[in-house]
C-alpha cells in the first residue's frame, strides 16, 4: 500500500471537441427515437463517458484487455477490475461541438478484506469543463479483487424492491455489449471473450457493463420524465448481470417528486444495481 499511495493526487488532463457520432450511435444502441444529435445539442447525462477515452497501443494492453496499470492508475497487484459505482453532480449542460476539458485525479486508494478475499478500492475524481465553467463533477470507484475461487460458494445478493412505479425489460445480447464496448473503447475481455470470463474470471457468461446498466437506468428516467433536468446521480453495483439473461429496470419517485430511486433487477428478483437520481 505504501507504493500504491504514491499515486494519490496523480492527475491528468484531456481535451476533446465533442463529435456527434458517439451520441447518435448510443441513441441507436439504446433503441431511442431521438432527433439527430449535432452541434449545440446538450449531452444527455452520463453520455460524456463516450468521450475523453484513453487511447493506447494494443501492445500496451494488459492480459485482460484494459490498459496496463502503472501509468495514471496505480499498479494494484490484484487481477480482477470492475467499476463499482459513481457519484455525479451536473452543474451545467455540456454541448456537442464544444472543445471541453476533463481533469482526472486519483483521490484515494483503500485496501479491504471482504467475503471474497482481498479488495483494493481506487477512487478517481473527474471534472468536466467548458472553458472555466464546471459542468460535471464525478467520483468513480474502481474495485480490484483477487482471482476467483472456483470452490467458493457464490455470495447471495439482496432482493430488489417490489414497488416500482415504472419499469422496462432489457434483453442484453452480445451485440449490445459489443456496441457499448466499441463506443467506449473498452477492451475488457469480460464483455466479449466467453472462455476468458469462465476460465480466468470465474463468471458463467459475458458480463454486462456496469456503466451501461447505469446509463440504461437514467435512460429509463428520461423516457418517463423527458423534460427533467438531472442534477445528481449516484449508483452502486451490487451483483453481476450476464449476456442473454433478461433483466429489468425500475424506478419510483420520492415524496417531493424530485428524488427518484432507480434499480436494476435480475430475472430471479435479486438486486443488480442501486441508484438515486435528483432532478431540478
Protein backbone atom coordinates (compact mmCIF):
# COMPACT_ATOMS: atom_id res chain seq x y z
CA UNK A 1 0.00 0.00 0.00
CA UNK A 2 2.89 2.39 0.63
CA UNK A 3 3.90 2.04 -3.02
CA UNK A 4 0.33 2.41 -4.26
CA UNK A 5 -0.34 5.51 -2.16
CA UNK A 6 2.27 7.36 -4.20
CA UNK A 7 -0.43 7.56 -6.91
CA UNK A 8 -2.80 9.58 -4.70
CA UNK A 9 -3.01 13.08 -6.15
CA UNK A 10 -1.78 11.99 -9.59
CA UNK A 11 -3.65 13.96 -12.24
CA UNK A 12 -4.12 14.05 -15.99
CA UNK A 13 -5.96 16.44 -18.32
CA UNK A 14 -7.57 15.68 -21.68
CA UNK A 15 -9.25 17.98 -24.17
CA UNK A 16 -11.65 16.98 -26.92
CA UNK A 17 -14.00 18.57 -29.42
CA UNK A 18 -17.23 16.66 -28.75
CA UNK A 19 -18.27 14.98 -32.00
CA UNK A 20 -21.90 13.95 -32.64
CA UNK A 21 -21.26 10.39 -33.86
CA UNK A 22 -20.93 8.73 -30.42
CA UNK A 23 -24.24 10.19 -29.21
CA UNK A 24 -26.07 9.19 -32.38
CA UNK A 25 -24.57 5.70 -32.17
CA UNK A 26 -25.52 5.32 -28.49
CA UNK A 27 -29.07 6.55 -29.15
CA UNK A 28 -29.40 3.84 -31.80
CA UNK A 29 -27.89 1.25 -29.45
CA UNK A 30 -30.42 2.15 -26.74
CA UNK A 31 -33.30 1.98 -29.27
CA UNK A 32 -34.14 5.64 -28.83
CA UNK A 33 -36.04 7.68 -31.43
CA UNK A 34 -34.17 10.93 -30.78
CA UNK A 35 -33.72 13.62 -33.42
CA UNK A 36 -30.22 13.58 -34.88
CA UNK A 37 -27.63 14.87 -32.42
CA UNK A 38 -25.49 17.74 -33.73
CA UNK A 39 -23.54 20.82 -32.72
CA UNK A 40 -25.17 22.60 -29.82
CA UNK A 41 -27.13 19.58 -28.59
CA UNK A 42 -26.52 19.02 -24.86
CA UNK A 43 -25.05 15.66 -23.96
CA UNK A 44 -27.59 13.57 -22.02
CA UNK A 45 -26.41 12.68 -18.51
CA UNK A 46 -23.64 10.03 -18.48
CA UNK A 47 -23.06 10.25 -22.23
CA UNK A 48 -19.81 12.08 -21.54
CA UNK A 49 -18.48 8.56 -20.86
CA UNK A 50 -18.27 8.20 -24.65
CA UNK A 51 -15.58 10.88 -24.74
CA UNK A 52 -12.09 11.58 -23.30
CA UNK A 53 -11.25 7.91 -23.74
CA UNK A 54 -7.82 6.52 -23.03
CA UNK A 55 -6.26 5.61 -26.40
CA UNK A 56 -3.36 3.20 -26.06
CA UNK A 57 -1.47 0.86 -28.36
CA UNK A 58 -2.54 -2.76 -28.46
CA UNK A 59 0.92 -3.72 -27.24
CA UNK A 60 0.27 -1.65 -24.11
CA UNK A 61 -2.86 -3.62 -23.16
CA UNK A 62 -2.85 -5.85 -20.10
CA UNK A 63 -3.83 -9.51 -20.08
CA UNK A 64 -7.49 -8.58 -19.54
CA UNK A 65 -7.67 -6.10 -22.43
CA UNK A 66 -7.54 -3.00 -20.23
CA UNK A 67 -4.67 -0.57 -20.47
CA UNK A 68 -1.79 -1.92 -18.39
CA UNK A 69 -1.62 -0.39 -14.92
CA UNK A 70 1.17 1.79 -13.60
CA UNK A 71 0.52 4.88 -15.71
CA UNK A 72 -2.31 7.10 -14.48
CA UNK A 73 -3.92 4.30 -12.45
CA UNK A 74 -1.84 2.60 -9.74
CA UNK A 75 -0.44 -0.91 -10.38
CA UNK A 76 -2.73 -2.73 -7.97
CA UNK A 77 -1.46 -6.34 -7.75
CA UNK A 78 -4.93 -7.89 -7.95
CA UNK A 79 -6.12 -9.21 -11.33
CA UNK A 80 -9.88 -8.56 -11.45
CA UNK A 81 -11.01 -4.99 -12.10
CA UNK A 82 -14.60 -3.69 -12.02
CA UNK A 83 -16.48 -0.37 -11.99
CA UNK A 84 -18.04 -0.43 -8.50
CA UNK A 85 -20.06 2.80 -8.64
CA UNK A 86 -20.03 6.55 -9.12
CA UNK A 87 -21.37 9.79 -7.69
CA UNK A 88 -22.02 12.59 -10.17
CA UNK A 89 -23.18 16.20 -9.93
CA UNK A 90 -24.38 18.00 -13.06
CA UNK A 91 -23.98 21.78 -12.88
CA UNK A 92 -24.23 22.95 -16.49
CA UNK A 93 -25.00 21.31 -19.84
CA UNK A 94 -22.04 20.10 -21.88
CA UNK A 95 -22.78 20.52 -25.58
CA UNK A 96 -21.76 18.67 -28.72
CA UNK A 97 -19.41 20.70 -30.91
CA UNK A 98 -17.64 22.36 -27.98
CA UNK A 99 -14.00 21.82 -27.02
CA UNK A 100 -14.27 20.51 -23.47
CA UNK A 101 -11.64 19.66 -20.88
CA UNK A 102 -11.58 16.74 -18.47
CA UNK A 103 -9.35 16.75 -15.39
CA UNK A 104 -8.92 13.39 -13.63
CA UNK A 105 -7.27 12.91 -10.23
CA UNK A 106 -6.62 9.82 -8.11
CA UNK A 107 -8.34 10.76 -4.84
CA UNK A 108 -7.93 7.70 -2.62
CA UNK A 109 -6.65 4.12 -2.50
CA UNK A 110 -8.08 1.85 0.22
CA UNK A 111 -7.34 -1.83 0.90
CA UNK A 112 -10.02 -4.00 2.50
CA UNK A 113 -10.76 -7.66 3.13
CA UNK A 114 -14.23 -8.87 2.22
CA UNK A 115 -16.06 -12.18 2.00
CA UNK A 116 -14.50 -12.75 -1.43
CA UNK A 117 -10.94 -12.02 -0.24
CA UNK A 118 -8.64 -9.03 -0.62
CA UNK A 119 -10.01 -5.86 -2.23
CA UNK A 120 -8.48 -2.53 -3.21
CA UNK A 121 -10.76 0.43 -3.94
CA UNK A 122 -9.39 3.27 -6.05
CA UNK A 123 -11.50 6.44 -6.23
CA UNK A 124 -10.84 8.76 -9.15
CA UNK A 125 -12.31 12.25 -9.44
CA UNK A 126 -13.28 13.60 -12.86
CA UNK A 127 -14.22 17.19 -13.57
CA UNK A 128 -15.55 18.27 -16.96
CA UNK A 129 -15.13 21.91 -18.00
CA UNK A 130 -16.36 24.13 -20.82
CA UNK A 131 -13.76 26.87 -20.58
CA UNK A 132 -13.80 27.87 -16.92
CA UNK A 133 -17.35 26.53 -16.37
CA UNK A 134 -17.53 23.30 -14.38
CA UNK A 135 -20.24 21.15 -15.94
CA UNK A 136 -19.83 17.75 -14.28
CA UNK A 137 -18.13 16.68 -11.06
CA UNK A 138 -17.76 12.91 -10.72
CA UNK A 139 -16.27 10.39 -8.31
CA UNK A 140 -15.63 6.97 -9.84
CA UNK A 141 -14.95 3.90 -7.66
CA UNK A 142 -12.87 1.08 -9.16
CA UNK A 143 -12.54 -2.21 -7.24
CA UNK A 144 -9.69 -4.68 -7.71
CA UNK A 145 -10.18 -8.25 -6.49
CA UNK A 146 -8.30 -11.50 -6.14
CA UNK A 147 -8.64 -14.34 -8.63
CA UNK A 148 -11.95 -16.17 -8.39
CA UNK A 149 -12.02 -19.27 -6.22
CA UNK A 150 -13.98 -21.92 -8.16
CA UNK A 151 -14.68 -23.82 -4.94
CA UNK A 152 -16.17 -20.82 -3.14
CA UNK A 153 -19.95 -20.58 -2.84
CA UNK A 154 -21.32 -17.52 -4.65
CA UNK A 155 -22.47 -14.67 -2.45
CA UNK A 156 -26.25 -14.23 -2.36
CA UNK A 157 -27.21 -10.67 -3.44
CA UNK A 158 -30.14 -8.92 -1.76
CA UNK A 159 -33.61 -8.95 -3.25
CA UNK A 160 -34.68 -5.95 -5.30
CA UNK A 161 -37.59 -3.72 -4.19
CA UNK A 162 -41.03 -4.71 -5.48
CA UNK A 163 -42.80 -1.34 -5.58
CA UNK A 164 -41.58 0.37 -8.75
CA UNK A 165 -43.77 2.95 -10.49
CA UNK A 166 -42.27 2.44 -13.95
CA UNK A 167 -40.10 -0.25 -15.46
CA UNK A 168 -38.58 -1.62 -18.67
CA UNK A 169 -37.35 -5.07 -19.69
CA UNK A 170 -33.90 -5.45 -21.27
CA UNK A 171 -32.57 -8.41 -23.26
CA UNK A 172 -28.77 -7.95 -23.15
CA UNK A 173 -27.36 -9.90 -26.07
CA UNK A 174 -23.67 -9.93 -27.11
CA UNK A 175 -24.37 -7.35 -29.84
CA UNK A 176 -25.44 -4.80 -27.23
CA UNK A 177 -22.28 -5.49 -25.22
CA UNK A 178 -20.10 -5.28 -28.34
CA UNK A 179 -21.58 -1.94 -29.37
CA UNK A 180 -21.11 -0.39 -25.94
CA UNK A 181 -17.55 -1.71 -25.68
CA UNK A 182 -16.77 -0.23 -29.10
CA UNK A 183 -18.32 3.15 -28.26
CA UNK A 184 -16.30 3.41 -25.03
CA UNK A 185 -13.08 1.87 -26.44
CA UNK A 186 -13.38 -0.73 -23.70
CA UNK A 187 -11.23 -3.77 -24.43
CA UNK A 188 -12.05 -5.57 -21.16
CA UNK A 189 -12.39 -9.20 -22.20
CA UNK A 190 -15.19 -9.99 -19.73
CA UNK A 191 -17.60 -8.31 -22.15
CA UNK A 192 -16.80 -10.33 -25.31
CA UNK A 193 -14.45 -13.25 -24.58
CA UNK A 194 -16.56 -16.08 -23.15
CA UNK A 195 -13.68 -18.51 -22.40
CA UNK A 196 -11.83 -15.72 -20.58
CA UNK A 197 -14.94 -14.96 -18.49
CA UNK A 198 -15.33 -18.57 -17.44
CA UNK A 199 -11.75 -19.85 -17.21
CA UNK A 200 -9.92 -16.76 -15.93
CA UNK A 201 -12.51 -14.60 -14.14
CA UNK A 202 -14.84 -17.29 -12.77
CA UNK A 203 -18.05 -15.95 -14.34
CA UNK A 204 -20.56 -18.15 -16.14
CA UNK A 205 -21.09 -15.80 -19.08
CA UNK A 206 -20.31 -12.45 -20.68
CA UNK A 207 -20.67 -9.60 -18.19
CA UNK A 208 -22.94 -6.62 -18.89
CA UNK A 209 -21.02 -3.37 -18.31
CA UNK A 210 -21.78 -1.56 -15.07
CA UNK A 211 -21.76 1.88 -16.75
CA UNK A 212 -24.12 0.56 -19.45
CA UNK A 213 -26.60 -0.50 -16.75
CA UNK A 214 -26.24 2.93 -15.11
CA UNK A 215 -26.83 4.60 -18.48
CA UNK A 216 -29.92 2.47 -19.03
CA UNK A 217 -31.26 3.48 -15.60
CA UNK A 218 -31.01 7.18 -16.41
CA UNK A 219 -32.41 6.43 -19.86
CA UNK A 220 -35.43 4.90 -18.10
CA UNK A 221 -35.87 8.13 -16.15
CA UNK A 222 -35.59 10.17 -19.39
CA UNK A 223 -38.28 8.03 -21.02
CA UNK A 224 -40.65 8.66 -18.11
CA UNK A 225 -39.61 12.26 -17.29
CA UNK A 226 -38.40 13.58 -20.66
CA UNK A 227 -38.25 17.21 -19.51
CA UNK A 228 -36.46 16.54 -16.22
CA UNK A 229 -33.02 18.05 -15.67
CA UNK A 230 -30.81 15.63 -13.74
CA UNK A 231 -28.66 17.42 -11.16
CA UNK A 232 -27.19 14.45 -9.32
CA UNK A 233 -26.85 10.71 -9.88
CA UNK A 234 -25.34 8.09 -7.58
CA UNK A 235 -25.15 4.39 -8.32
CA UNK A 236 -23.65 1.26 -6.80
CA UNK A 237 -23.12 -2.11 -8.48
CA UNK A 238 -24.49 -4.92 -6.32
CA UNK A 239 -24.40 -8.11 -8.43
CA UNK A 240 -23.47 -9.19 -11.95
CA UNK A 241 -25.79 -9.32 -14.95
CA UNK A 242 -24.83 -11.65 -17.79
CA UNK A 243 -25.50 -11.51 -21.52
CA UNK A 244 -28.55 -13.43 -22.76
CA UNK A 245 -30.14 -13.24 -19.30
CA UNK A 246 -33.01 -10.75 -19.22
CA UNK A 247 -33.13 -8.09 -16.55
CA UNK A 248 -35.43 -5.21 -15.73
CA UNK A 249 -35.02 -1.52 -14.93
CA UNK A 250 -37.21 0.07 -12.27
CA UNK A 251 -37.90 3.49 -10.82
CA UNK A 252 -40.12 5.40 -8.46
CA UNK A 253 -40.32 8.97 -7.19
CA UNK A 254 -39.77 10.07 -3.63
CA UNK A 255 -42.19 12.18 -1.65
CA UNK A 256 -41.07 15.51 -3.11
CA UNK A 257 -41.10 14.27 -6.72
CA UNK A 258 -37.52 15.47 -7.21
CA UNK A 259 -35.63 12.39 -6.00
CA UNK A 260 -36.01 9.08 -7.77
CA UNK A 261 -34.97 5.62 -6.66
CA UNK A 262 -33.75 3.57 -9.61
CA UNK A 263 -32.59 -0.02 -9.68
CA UNK A 264 -31.75 -2.90 -12.00
CA UNK A 265 -33.18 -6.29 -11.15
CA UNK A 266 -32.09 -9.69 -12.38
CA UNK A 267 -34.63 -12.22 -13.63
CA UNK A 268 -34.50 -14.07 -10.31
CA UNK A 269 -35.58 -10.93 -8.43
CA UNK A 270 -32.18 -10.07 -6.96
CA UNK A 271 -30.76 -6.57 -7.00
CA UNK A 272 -28.05 -5.83 -9.59
CA UNK A 273 -27.63 -2.06 -9.28
CA UNK A 274 -28.98 0.51 -6.86
CA UNK A 275 -29.16 4.20 -7.86
CA UNK A 276 -30.60 7.58 -6.90
CA UNK A 277 -31.27 10.49 -9.25
CA UNK A 278 -32.17 14.07 -8.32
CA UNK A 279 -33.88 16.39 -10.80
CA UNK A 280 -34.42 20.13 -10.90
